[in-house]
Amino acid sequence: MSVASRRRRLPRLNVLLTQGALSLYSVLIVFPLAWMSYTALKSSVEIFQNAWSLPETPHWENFATAWGGGGNLGRYFGNSALVTSISLVLILATASMATYGLTRFRFRGAAFLLNVFIAGMMFPIFLGIVPLYLLMSQWGLNDTYQGLILVYIAYSLPFTVFVLSGFFRALPEELAEASMLDGCTRFGTFWRVMMPLAKPGLAVAGVFNFIGLWNEYPLALVLMTERNLRTLPVGIASMAMRQQYDADWGALFAGLLIVLAPTMAVYLLFQRHIAAGLTAGALKG
C-alpha cells in the first residue's frame, strides 16, 4: 500500500471512529430515558416481573398519582416553578449589571472584585449550610420563598458573572460611545445597546442556571422544612423514600419524568441559542 493511499484512509478511519463513539454515547444517553419513560406506564407487578419489558397495558394513572395523589408533586412543581422563575430573572439582572460595571468601567479594584466573584465558584456549598441556616433563622427567612430566592441569587452569581464576563468584555466600545453621544444615559446604553448584544451569553447563563436551580436539592432541603413549601427535588426524594412502604414504583418513575420534563423542554427550545452562545464565547474569549 502506497503512502498516499494510507493518508487518504486515515481521515476516513478517524471519521468512522468518531461516528462510532458518538453513536455509542447517544445510546448511553437515550436508552435510560426511553426505559424510564415506558417504565412509568407499568404497574409495580410488571416492573418486578420483568424490568425491561414493555408495558402490557399503559397505566396513565401513575402520572395522576404522582401529580396529585400520594406524591403531591403538583404542589412541589408549582413551588419550584415560582422560586426558579423569580430567581432566574433576578440573577440575570443582577449579574449582568455587576459584570457590565466590572468589565466595562475602569476603576481601581475592578479586576479584584471580578476575581472575588469568580472565586465564589470554588466554595463548596456544604461548608456554608449550617451557618446559612442559622443566619436565615435569625432573620426569620427560613421556610419562606423570599429566603430561598435570596440564597439562590447569591449561590448563582459567581457562575453567572463568570459566563457573562467574556461577552461583555468583547462588546465594541464604539457602540456605547455613539449611544451616549446621541443623548443616551449610561443605564440606557447598558439596557438598550449592550444587553441585546449580550443575548447569546444571557441565553447560556439562563439555561444553565435554570437547570441548576430546578434540580437544586441541599439548600432547599435545609431551608424549606415545611412540607407544603418543598421544591420538586425534595418532593421527589421524599416520594422515593415512601416507596419503601407503598411499593408504587410506577408512580415514582412517573414523578421522575415530571421532574425531567421542564429541563428537557428548556434545553430543546434553547439548544440553538446555547450552541451559538458557546461558540460566540469561544471566539470572543
Protein backbone atom coordinates (compact mmCIF):
# COMPACT_ATOMS: atom_id res chain seq x y z
CA MET A 1 0.00 0.00 0.00
CA SER A 2 1.40 3.37 -1.00
CA VAL A 3 1.91 6.26 1.38
CA ALA A 4 -0.68 8.37 -0.49
CA SER A 5 -3.42 5.74 -0.13
CA ARG A 6 -2.65 5.39 3.58
CA ARG A 7 -3.03 9.14 4.02
CA ARG A 8 -6.41 9.03 2.27
CA ARG A 9 -7.65 6.23 4.51
CA LEU A 10 -6.62 7.85 7.79
CA PRO A 11 -9.25 10.65 7.64
CA ARG A 12 -11.95 8.08 6.79
CA LEU A 13 -10.89 5.93 9.73
CA ASN A 14 -10.97 8.94 12.04
CA VAL A 15 -14.47 9.82 10.84
CA LEU A 16 -15.69 6.23 11.39
CA LEU A 17 -14.20 6.11 14.88
CA THR A 18 -15.73 9.48 15.77
CA GLN A 19 -19.15 8.47 14.47
CA GLY A 20 -18.96 5.17 16.33
CA ALA A 21 -18.02 6.86 19.60
CA LEU A 22 -20.81 9.44 19.22
CA SER A 23 -23.34 6.73 18.38
CA LEU A 24 -22.37 4.74 21.47
CA TYR A 25 -22.62 7.87 23.60
CA SER A 26 -26.07 8.62 22.16
CA VAL A 27 -27.27 5.13 23.04
CA LEU A 28 -25.97 5.52 26.60
CA ILE A 29 -27.93 8.76 26.93
CA VAL A 30 -31.16 7.85 25.10
CA PHE A 31 -31.69 4.32 26.43
CA PRO A 32 -32.08 5.26 30.14
CA LEU A 33 -34.57 7.97 29.15
CA ALA A 34 -36.56 5.57 26.99
CA TRP A 35 -36.50 2.88 29.68
CA MET A 36 -37.69 5.34 32.35
CA SER A 37 -40.44 6.59 30.02
CA TYR A 38 -42.08 3.23 29.37
CA THR A 39 -41.45 2.01 32.92
CA ALA A 40 -43.56 4.93 34.14
CA LEU A 41 -46.52 3.30 32.33
CA LYS A 42 -46.14 -0.06 34.06
CA SER A 43 -47.59 -1.39 37.28
CA SER A 44 -45.37 -2.38 40.18
CA VAL A 45 -46.05 -6.05 39.48
CA GLU A 46 -44.88 -5.70 35.87
CA ILE A 47 -41.76 -3.86 36.98
CA PHE A 48 -40.77 -6.63 39.38
CA GLN A 49 -41.65 -9.42 36.95
CA ASN A 50 -39.60 -8.03 34.08
CA ALA A 51 -38.00 -4.62 34.46
CA TRP A 52 -37.00 -4.43 30.77
CA SER A 53 -40.25 -5.43 29.08
CA LEU A 54 -42.75 -3.01 27.57
CA PRO A 55 -46.00 -2.39 29.49
CA GLU A 56 -48.83 -4.74 28.56
CA THR A 57 -51.39 -2.00 29.25
CA PRO A 58 -50.30 1.63 29.76
CA HIS A 59 -51.08 2.79 33.29
CA TRP A 60 -51.61 6.52 32.76
CA GLU A 61 -52.97 6.78 36.27
CA ASN A 62 -49.38 6.64 37.53
CA PHE A 63 -48.97 10.27 36.48
CA ALA A 64 -52.18 11.27 38.26
CA THR A 65 -51.00 9.50 41.40
CA ALA A 66 -47.61 11.21 41.29
CA TRP A 67 -49.08 14.63 40.48
CA GLY A 68 -51.97 14.91 42.92
CA GLY A 69 -52.19 11.66 44.84
CA GLY A 70 -49.66 10.34 47.29
CA GLY A 71 -46.79 12.09 45.53
CA ASN A 72 -48.29 15.60 45.72
CA LEU A 73 -45.82 16.66 43.03
CA GLY A 74 -48.26 19.20 41.63
CA ARG A 75 -47.77 21.38 44.70
CA TYR A 76 -43.99 20.93 44.62
CA PHE A 77 -43.92 21.64 40.87
CA GLY A 78 -45.62 24.98 41.47
CA ASN A 79 -43.19 25.83 44.27
CA SER A 80 -40.17 25.07 42.08
CA ALA A 81 -41.63 27.00 39.13
CA LEU A 82 -42.22 30.07 41.30
CA VAL A 83 -38.82 30.04 43.02
CA THR A 84 -36.85 29.17 39.87
CA SER A 85 -38.51 31.76 37.63
CA ILE A 86 -38.15 34.67 40.07
CA SER A 87 -34.60 33.66 40.97
CA LEU A 88 -33.59 33.36 37.33
CA VAL A 89 -34.86 36.83 36.41
CA LEU A 90 -33.14 38.45 39.39
CA ILE A 91 -29.92 36.52 38.84
CA LEU A 92 -29.61 37.58 35.20
CA ALA A 93 -30.49 41.19 36.01
CA THR A 94 -28.08 41.45 38.96
CA ALA A 95 -25.22 39.55 37.34
CA SER A 96 -25.46 41.44 34.03
CA MET A 97 -25.28 44.83 35.78
CA ALA A 98 -22.42 43.71 38.03
CA THR A 99 -20.49 42.18 35.14
CA TYR A 100 -21.02 45.19 32.90
CA GLY A 101 -19.74 47.56 35.57
CA LEU A 102 -16.72 45.41 36.43
CA THR A 103 -15.67 44.74 32.83
CA ARG A 104 -16.53 47.99 31.05
CA PHE A 105 -15.66 50.68 33.62
CA ARG A 106 -12.06 51.35 34.59
CA PHE A 107 -11.61 51.93 38.30
CA ARG A 108 -9.21 50.74 40.96
CA GLY A 109 -10.13 47.29 42.28
CA ALA A 110 -12.38 46.25 39.39
CA ALA A 111 -10.24 43.23 38.49
CA PHE A 112 -10.00 42.23 42.15
CA LEU A 113 -13.78 42.40 42.63
CA LEU A 114 -14.34 40.35 39.48
CA ASN A 115 -11.92 37.72 40.75
CA VAL A 116 -13.73 37.66 44.09
CA PHE A 117 -16.98 36.91 42.29
CA ILE A 118 -15.39 34.13 40.26
CA ALA A 119 -13.63 32.70 43.33
CA GLY A 120 -17.07 32.05 44.80
CA MET A 121 -17.41 29.15 42.36
CA MET A 122 -14.75 27.26 44.33
CA PHE A 123 -16.59 27.47 47.67
CA PRO A 124 -18.40 24.19 48.48
CA ILE A 125 -21.99 24.91 49.39
CA PHE A 126 -21.99 22.17 52.03
CA LEU A 127 -19.47 24.15 54.12
CA GLY A 128 -21.90 27.04 54.40
CA ILE A 129 -25.17 25.22 55.01
CA VAL A 130 -25.05 25.30 58.83
CA PRO A 131 -24.10 29.00 59.24
CA LEU A 132 -26.51 29.85 56.43
CA TYR A 133 -29.34 28.06 58.23
CA LEU A 134 -28.56 29.89 61.47
CA LEU A 135 -28.39 33.24 59.67
CA MET A 136 -31.68 32.69 57.86
CA SER A 137 -33.30 31.60 61.14
CA GLN A 138 -32.09 34.79 62.82
CA TRP A 139 -33.59 36.87 60.03
CA GLY A 140 -36.84 34.89 60.04
CA LEU A 141 -36.40 33.78 56.41
CA ASN A 142 -36.48 30.01 56.88
CA ASP A 143 -39.50 28.35 55.27
CA THR A 144 -40.11 31.39 53.06
CA TYR A 145 -39.88 31.79 49.32
CA GLN A 146 -38.06 35.09 49.78
CA GLY A 147 -35.28 33.48 51.79
CA LEU A 148 -34.73 30.65 49.33
CA ILE A 149 -34.74 33.08 46.39
CA LEU A 150 -32.12 35.30 48.06
CA VAL A 151 -29.92 32.28 48.73
CA TYR A 152 -30.30 31.08 45.14
CA ILE A 153 -29.29 34.50 43.82
CA ALA A 154 -26.15 34.59 45.97
CA TYR A 155 -25.39 30.95 45.11
CA SER A 156 -25.66 31.52 41.34
CA LEU A 157 -23.97 34.92 40.97
CA PRO A 158 -20.35 33.66 40.70
CA PHE A 159 -21.07 31.30 37.81
CA THR A 160 -23.25 33.84 36.00
CA VAL A 161 -20.67 36.62 36.33
CA PHE A 162 -18.01 34.22 35.06
CA VAL A 163 -20.06 33.33 31.97
CA LEU A 164 -21.09 36.90 31.15
CA SER A 165 -17.68 38.49 31.71
CA GLY A 166 -16.30 37.20 28.40
CA PHE A 167 -19.28 38.50 26.45
CA PHE A 168 -19.31 41.99 27.97
CA ARG A 169 -15.56 42.36 27.50
CA ALA A 170 -15.93 41.67 23.78
CA LEU A 171 -18.70 44.21 23.14
CA PRO A 172 -17.48 47.11 20.97
CA GLU A 173 -16.81 50.27 22.94
CA GLU A 174 -17.66 52.40 19.89
CA LEU A 175 -21.36 51.49 20.14
CA ALA A 176 -21.51 52.63 23.76
CA GLU A 177 -19.78 55.91 22.91
CA ALA A 178 -22.09 56.50 19.95
CA SER A 179 -25.20 55.92 22.03
CA MET A 180 -24.01 58.33 24.70
CA LEU A 181 -23.25 60.98 22.05
CA ASP A 182 -26.86 60.58 20.91
CA GLY A 183 -28.00 61.52 24.41
CA CYS A 184 -28.40 58.09 25.99
CA THR A 185 -27.53 57.71 29.67
CA ARG A 186 -25.14 55.05 30.95
CA PHE A 187 -28.04 52.91 32.11
CA GLY A 188 -29.84 53.49 28.81
CA THR A 189 -26.71 52.41 26.94
CA PHE A 190 -26.49 49.29 29.05
CA TRP A 191 -30.17 48.39 28.68
CA ARG A 192 -30.84 49.37 25.05
CA VAL A 193 -27.49 48.68 23.39
CA MET A 194 -25.31 46.31 25.39
CA MET A 195 -27.94 43.91 26.72
CA PRO A 196 -29.30 43.00 23.24
CA LEU A 197 -25.73 42.38 22.06
CA ALA A 198 -25.11 40.08 25.02
CA LYS A 199 -28.18 37.88 24.36
CA PRO A 200 -26.08 34.77 23.47
CA GLY A 201 -24.33 34.96 26.83
CA LEU A 202 -27.58 35.60 28.67
CA ALA A 203 -29.14 32.58 26.96
CA VAL A 204 -26.26 30.31 28.01
CA ALA A 205 -26.25 31.62 31.58
CA GLY A 206 -30.05 31.42 31.77
CA VAL A 207 -30.31 27.82 30.61
CA PHE A 208 -27.54 26.53 32.85
CA ASN A 209 -28.91 28.45 35.83
CA PHE A 210 -32.40 27.08 35.18
CA ILE A 211 -31.12 23.52 35.13
CA GLY A 212 -29.09 24.07 38.29
CA LEU A 213 -31.89 25.78 40.23
CA TRP A 214 -34.60 23.37 39.08
CA ASN A 215 -32.57 20.39 40.29
CA GLU A 216 -31.09 22.04 43.41
CA TYR A 217 -31.54 19.82 46.46
CA PRO A 218 -29.40 20.50 49.59
CA LEU A 219 -30.29 24.18 50.08
CA ALA A 220 -34.00 23.57 49.54
CA LEU A 221 -33.89 20.58 51.89
CA VAL A 222 -32.34 22.59 54.73
CA LEU A 223 -34.12 25.92 54.30
CA MET A 224 -37.63 24.68 53.40
CA THR A 225 -38.67 22.22 56.10
CA GLU A 226 -42.41 22.84 55.87
CA ARG A 227 -43.98 20.17 53.68
CA ASN A 228 -46.19 22.44 51.56
CA LEU A 229 -43.21 24.68 50.71
CA ARG A 230 -40.92 21.95 49.43
CA THR A 231 -39.46 22.20 45.97
CA LEU A 232 -39.69 19.44 43.39
CA PRO A 233 -36.29 17.73 44.03
CA VAL A 234 -37.04 17.50 47.75
CA GLY A 235 -40.57 16.26 46.99
CA ILE A 236 -39.39 13.51 44.64
CA ALA A 237 -36.77 12.43 47.19
CA SER A 238 -39.39 12.09 49.93
CA MET A 239 -41.62 10.25 47.47
CA ALA A 240 -38.79 7.80 46.74
CA MET A 241 -38.36 7.14 50.46
CA ARG A 242 -42.08 6.40 50.82
CA GLN A 243 -41.89 3.81 48.05
CA GLN A 244 -40.11 1.52 50.51
CA TYR A 245 -43.54 1.11 52.14
CA ASP A 246 -46.06 1.95 49.39
CA ALA A 247 -44.29 -0.01 46.61
CA ASP A 248 -45.89 2.12 43.88
CA TRP A 249 -42.85 2.19 41.62
CA GLY A 250 -44.78 3.13 38.50
CA ALA A 251 -45.85 6.39 40.16
CA LEU A 252 -42.25 7.03 41.21
CA PHE A 253 -40.99 6.73 37.62
CA ALA A 254 -43.85 8.96 36.50
CA GLY A 255 -42.70 11.51 39.07
CA LEU A 256 -39.16 11.33 37.73
CA LEU A 257 -40.46 12.13 34.26
CA ILE A 258 -42.39 15.10 35.66
CA VAL A 259 -39.17 16.42 37.19
CA LEU A 260 -37.21 15.84 33.98
CA ALA A 261 -39.75 17.26 31.51
CA PRO A 262 -39.14 21.03 32.09
CA THR A 263 -35.38 20.59 31.86
CA MET A 264 -35.66 18.71 28.58
CA ALA A 265 -38.15 21.23 27.21
CA VAL A 266 -35.94 24.22 28.05
CA TYR A 267 -32.88 22.56 26.54
CA LEU A 268 -34.71 21.62 23.33
CA LEU A 269 -36.16 25.12 22.96
CA PHE A 270 -32.86 26.91 23.53
CA GLN A 271 -30.34 24.43 22.12
CA ARG A 272 -29.57 26.69 19.15
CA HIS A 273 -29.02 29.65 21.45
CA ILE A 274 -26.76 27.55 23.66
CA ALA A 275 -24.63 26.42 20.70
CA ALA A 276 -24.47 29.97 19.33
CA GLY A 277 -23.61 31.38 22.75
CA LEU A 278 -20.86 28.88 23.48
CA THR A 279 -19.38 29.39 20.02
CA ALA A 280 -19.50 33.16 20.37
CA GLY A 281 -17.93 32.99 23.77
CA ALA A 282 -15.14 30.75 22.50
CA LEU A 283 -14.41 33.04 19.55
CA LYS A 284 -14.53 36.23 21.59
CA GLY A 285 -12.56 34.90 24.51
